[in-house]
């Protein structure tokens, strides 16, 4: 088992950084470009598979709320697995949450993303 290593947030792979920036800007097309066609996203108990479902997730995720997002921590698990911790504050229930985004990459594309507190 590999022990995750803390890294500077700027040391996340470009694919992850580009996805996070596009998703924060609510740019669905740019965010979707980071994913492989067979990608899987798990968020809030729901699983999204493939381009069409991931596009739906990206277009709708958090859309009913306004919030700020700050990338506060990052880790390298191994050559293909990375985590990013985002701090959100907004008008959603609870108002504040830290979410951990767990990425699996292959060929510079996201093949799996699991988002959890």
C-alpha atoms as a PDB file:
ATOM      1  CA  UNK A   1       0.000   0.000   0.000  1.00  0.00           C
ATOM      2  CA  UNK A   2       1.276   3.458  -0.908  1.00  0.00           C
ATOM      3  CA  UNK A   3       1.352   6.213   1.699  1.00  0.00           C
ATOM      4  CA  UNK A   4       0.018   9.514   0.321  1.00  0.00           C
ATOM      5  CA  UNK A   5       2.527  12.367   0.225  1.00  0.00           C
ATOM      6  CA  UNK A   6       1.452  15.959   0.823  1.00  0.00           C
ATOM      7  CA  UNK A   7       2.379  18.226  -2.065  1.00  0.00           C
ATOM      8  CA  UNK A   8       1.886  21.860  -3.000  1.00  0.00           C
ATOM      9  CA  UNK A   9      -1.458  22.360  -4.721  1.00  0.00           C
ATOM     10  CA  UNK A  10       0.468  23.703  -7.709  1.00  0.00           C
ATOM     11  CA  UNK A  11       2.134  20.278  -8.038  1.00  0.00           C
ATOM     12  CA  UNK A  12      -1.130  18.517  -8.896  1.00  0.00           C
ATOM     13  CA  UNK A  13      -1.149  17.243 -12.489  1.00  0.00           C
ATOM     14  CA  UNK A  14      -2.267  19.796 -15.079  1.00  0.00           C
ATOM     15  CA  UNK A  15      -5.337  17.664 -15.856  1.00  0.00           C
ATOM     16  CA  UNK A  16      -6.511  17.913 -12.238  1.00  0.00           C
ATOM     17  CA  UNK A  17      -5.742  21.634 -11.967  1.00  0.00           C
ATOM     18  CA  UNK A  18      -7.520  22.329 -15.265  1.00  0.00           C
ATOM     19  CA  UNK A  19     -10.566  20.322 -14.183  1.00  0.00           C
ATOM     20  CA  UNK A  20     -10.786  22.085 -10.815  1.00  0.00           C
ATOM     21  CA  UNK A  21     -10.519  25.530 -12.422  1.00  0.00           C
ATOM     22  CA  UNK A  22     -13.105  24.730 -15.090  1.00  0.00           C
ATOM     23  CA  UNK A  23     -15.521  23.186 -12.596  1.00  0.00           C
ATOM     24  CA  UNK A  24     -15.213  26.171 -10.238  1.00  0.00           C
ATOM     25  CA  UNK A  25     -15.929  28.460 -13.202  1.00  0.00           C
ATOM     26  CA  UNK A  26     -18.894  26.214 -14.122  1.00  0.00           C
ATOM     27  CA  UNK A  27     -17.427  25.680 -17.585  1.00  0.00           C
ATOM     28  CA  UNK A  28     -18.933  22.270 -18.323  1.00  0.00           C
ATOM     29  CA  UNK A  29     -17.200  21.734 -21.674  1.00  0.00           C
ATOM     30  CA  UNK A  30     -13.733  22.581 -20.340  1.00  0.00           C
ATOM     31  CA  UNK A  31     -14.270  20.404 -17.245  1.00  0.00           C
ATOM     32  CA  UNK A  32     -15.551  17.506 -19.360  1.00  0.00           C
ATOM     33  CA  UNK A  33     -12.434  17.684 -21.544  1.00  0.00           C
ATOM     34  CA  UNK A  34     -10.401  16.426 -18.548  1.00  0.00           C
ATOM     35  CA  UNK A  35     -12.318  13.116 -18.429  1.00  0.00           C
ATOM     36  CA  UNK A  36     -11.821   9.886 -20.330  1.00  0.00           C
ATOM     37  CA  UNK A  37     -14.937   8.743 -22.258  1.00  0.00           C
ATOM     38  CA  UNK A  38     -15.422   5.849 -19.817  1.00  0.00           C
ATOM     39  CA  UNK A  39     -14.848   7.902 -16.653  1.00  0.00           C
ATOM     40  CA  UNK A  40     -16.762   7.286 -13.440  1.00  0.00           C
ATOM     41  CA  UNK A  41     -17.684  10.049 -10.972  1.00  0.00           C
ATOM     42  CA  UNK A  42     -19.090   9.339  -7.503  1.00  0.00           C
ATOM     43  CA  UNK A  43     -20.590  12.281  -5.602  1.00  0.00           C
ATOM     44  CA  UNK A  44     -23.158  12.519  -2.818  1.00  0.00           C
ATOM     45  CA  UNK A  45     -24.154   8.865  -3.120  1.00  0.00           C
ATOM     46  CA  UNK A  46     -24.656   8.986  -6.896  1.00  0.00           C
ATOM     47  CA  UNK A  47     -22.500   7.352  -9.559  1.00  0.00           C
ATOM     48  CA  UNK A  48     -22.138   8.836 -13.041  1.00  0.00           C
ATOM     49  CA  UNK A  49     -20.643   6.724 -15.837  1.00  0.00           C
ATOM     50  CA  UNK A  50     -19.463   7.798 -19.256  1.00  0.00           C
ATOM     51  CA  UNK A  51     -19.471  11.096 -21.096  1.00  0.00           C
ATOM     52  CA  UNK A  52     -23.216  11.814 -21.044  1.00  0.00           C
ATOM     53  CA  UNK A  53     -23.710  11.132 -17.334  1.00  0.00           C
ATOM     54  CA  UNK A  54     -20.509  12.960 -16.345  1.00  0.00           C
ATOM     55  CA  UNK A  55     -21.640  15.947 -18.450  1.00  0.00           C
ATOM     56  CA  UNK A  56     -24.948  15.933 -16.541  1.00  0.00           C
ATOM     57  CA  UNK A  57     -23.095  15.831 -13.228  1.00  0.00           C
ATOM     58  CA  UNK A  58     -20.843  18.725 -14.245  1.00  0.00           C
ATOM     59  CA  UNK A  59     -23.752  20.824 -15.485  1.00  0.00           C
ATOM     60  CA  UNK A  60     -25.894  20.280 -12.386  1.00  0.00           C
ATOM     61  CA  UNK A  61     -23.525  19.780  -9.417  1.00  0.00           C
ATOM     62  CA  UNK A  62     -24.182  22.446  -6.817  1.00  0.00           C
ATOM     63  CA  UNK A  63     -26.075  24.592  -9.304  1.00  0.00           C
ATOM     64  CA  UNK A  64     -28.850  25.382  -6.848  1.00  0.00           C
ATOM     65  CA  UNK A  65     -26.402  27.021  -4.440  1.00  0.00           C
ATOM     66  CA  UNK A  66     -23.903  29.841  -4.467  1.00  0.00           C
ATOM     67  CA  UNK A  67     -20.548  29.158  -2.846  1.00  0.00           C
ATOM     68  CA  UNK A  68     -16.852  29.849  -2.905  1.00  0.00           C
ATOM     69  CA  UNK A  69     -14.263  27.140  -3.451  1.00  0.00           C
ATOM     70  CA  UNK A  70     -10.670  27.195  -2.197  1.00  0.00           C
ATOM     71  CA  UNK A  71      -8.122  24.481  -2.946  1.00  0.00           C
ATOM     72  CA  UNK A  72      -6.472  24.007   0.461  1.00  0.00           C
ATOM     73  CA  UNK A  73      -4.445  20.777   0.244  1.00  0.00           C
ATOM     74  CA  UNK A  74      -3.168  18.144  -2.163  1.00  0.00           C
ATOM     75  CA  UNK A  75      -1.600  14.708  -2.002  1.00  0.00           C
ATOM     76  CA  UNK A  76       0.096  12.324  -4.399  1.00  0.00           C
ATOM     77  CA  UNK A  77      -0.909   8.744  -3.665  1.00  0.00           C
ATOM     78  CA  UNK A  78       1.030   7.173  -6.540  1.00  0.00           C
ATOM     79  CA  UNK A  79       1.723   7.877 -10.216  1.00  0.00           C
ATOM     80  CA  UNK A  80      -1.972   7.684 -11.124  1.00  0.00           C
ATOM     81  CA  UNK A  81      -3.829   8.688  -7.934  1.00  0.00           C
ATOM     82  CA  UNK A  82      -4.081  12.169  -6.452  1.00  0.00           C
ATOM     83  CA  UNK A  83      -6.262  13.954  -3.920  1.00  0.00           C
ATOM     84  CA  UNK A  84      -7.308  17.563  -3.678  1.00  0.00           C
ATOM     85  CA  UNK A  85      -9.076  19.033  -0.644  1.00  0.00           C
ATOM     86  CA  UNK A  86     -11.445  21.906  -1.361  1.00  0.00           C
ATOM     87  CA  UNK A  87     -12.969  24.196   1.246  1.00  0.00           C
ATOM     88  CA  UNK A  88     -16.469  25.377   0.292  1.00  0.00           C
ATOM     89  CA  UNK A  89     -18.518  28.110   1.934  1.00  0.00           C
ATOM     90  CA  UNK A  90     -21.963  29.108   0.746  1.00  0.00           C
ATOM     91  CA  UNK A  91     -25.721  28.961   1.118  1.00  0.00           C
ATOM     92  CA  UNK A  92     -25.964  25.143   1.021  1.00  0.00           C
ATOM     93  CA  UNK A  93     -27.110  23.224   4.134  1.00  0.00           C
ATOM     94  CA  UNK A  94     -24.413  23.587   6.801  1.00  0.00           C
ATOM     95  CA  UNK A  95     -22.770  26.456   4.928  1.00  0.00           C
ATOM     96  CA  UNK A  96     -19.189  25.127   5.226  1.00  0.00           C
ATOM     97  CA  UNK A  97     -17.574  21.858   4.137  1.00  0.00           C
ATOM     98  CA  UNK A  98     -14.200  20.437   3.209  1.00  0.00           C
ATOM     99  CA  UNK A  99     -14.491  17.973   0.329  1.00  0.00           C
ATOM    100  CA  UNK A 100     -11.796  15.538  -0.721  1.00  0.00           C
ATOM    101  CA  UNK A 101     -11.625  14.878  -4.451  1.00  0.00           C
ATOM    102  CA  UNK A 102      -9.903  11.551  -5.163  1.00  0.00           C
ATOM    103  CA  UNK A 103      -8.670  11.337  -8.747  1.00  0.00           C
ATOM    104  CA  UNK A 104      -7.431   8.376 -10.758  1.00  0.00           C
ATOM    105  CA  UNK A 105      -5.690   9.348 -13.998  1.00  0.00           C
ATOM    106  CA  UNK A 106      -4.748   7.372 -17.100  1.00  0.00           C
ATOM    107  CA  UNK A 107      -3.186   8.865 -20.228  1.00  0.00           C
ATOM    108  CA  UNK A 108      -3.581  12.380 -18.779  1.00  0.00           C
ATOM    109  CA  UNK A 109      -7.350  11.982 -18.387  1.00  0.00           C
ATOM    110  CA  UNK A 110      -9.514  11.484 -15.316  1.00  0.00           C
ATOM    111  CA  UNK A 111     -10.858   7.921 -15.299  1.00  0.00           C
ATOM    112  CA  UNK A 112     -12.306   8.083 -11.788  1.00  0.00           C
ATOM    113  CA  UNK A 113     -13.287  10.879  -9.427  1.00  0.00           C
ATOM    114  CA  UNK A 114     -14.748  10.235  -5.969  1.00  0.00           C
ATOM    115  CA  UNK A 115     -15.894  13.273  -3.984  1.00  0.00           C
ATOM    116  CA  UNK A 116     -16.557  12.931  -0.241  1.00  0.00           C
ATOM    117  CA  UNK A 117     -16.348  14.964   2.963  1.00  0.00           C
END
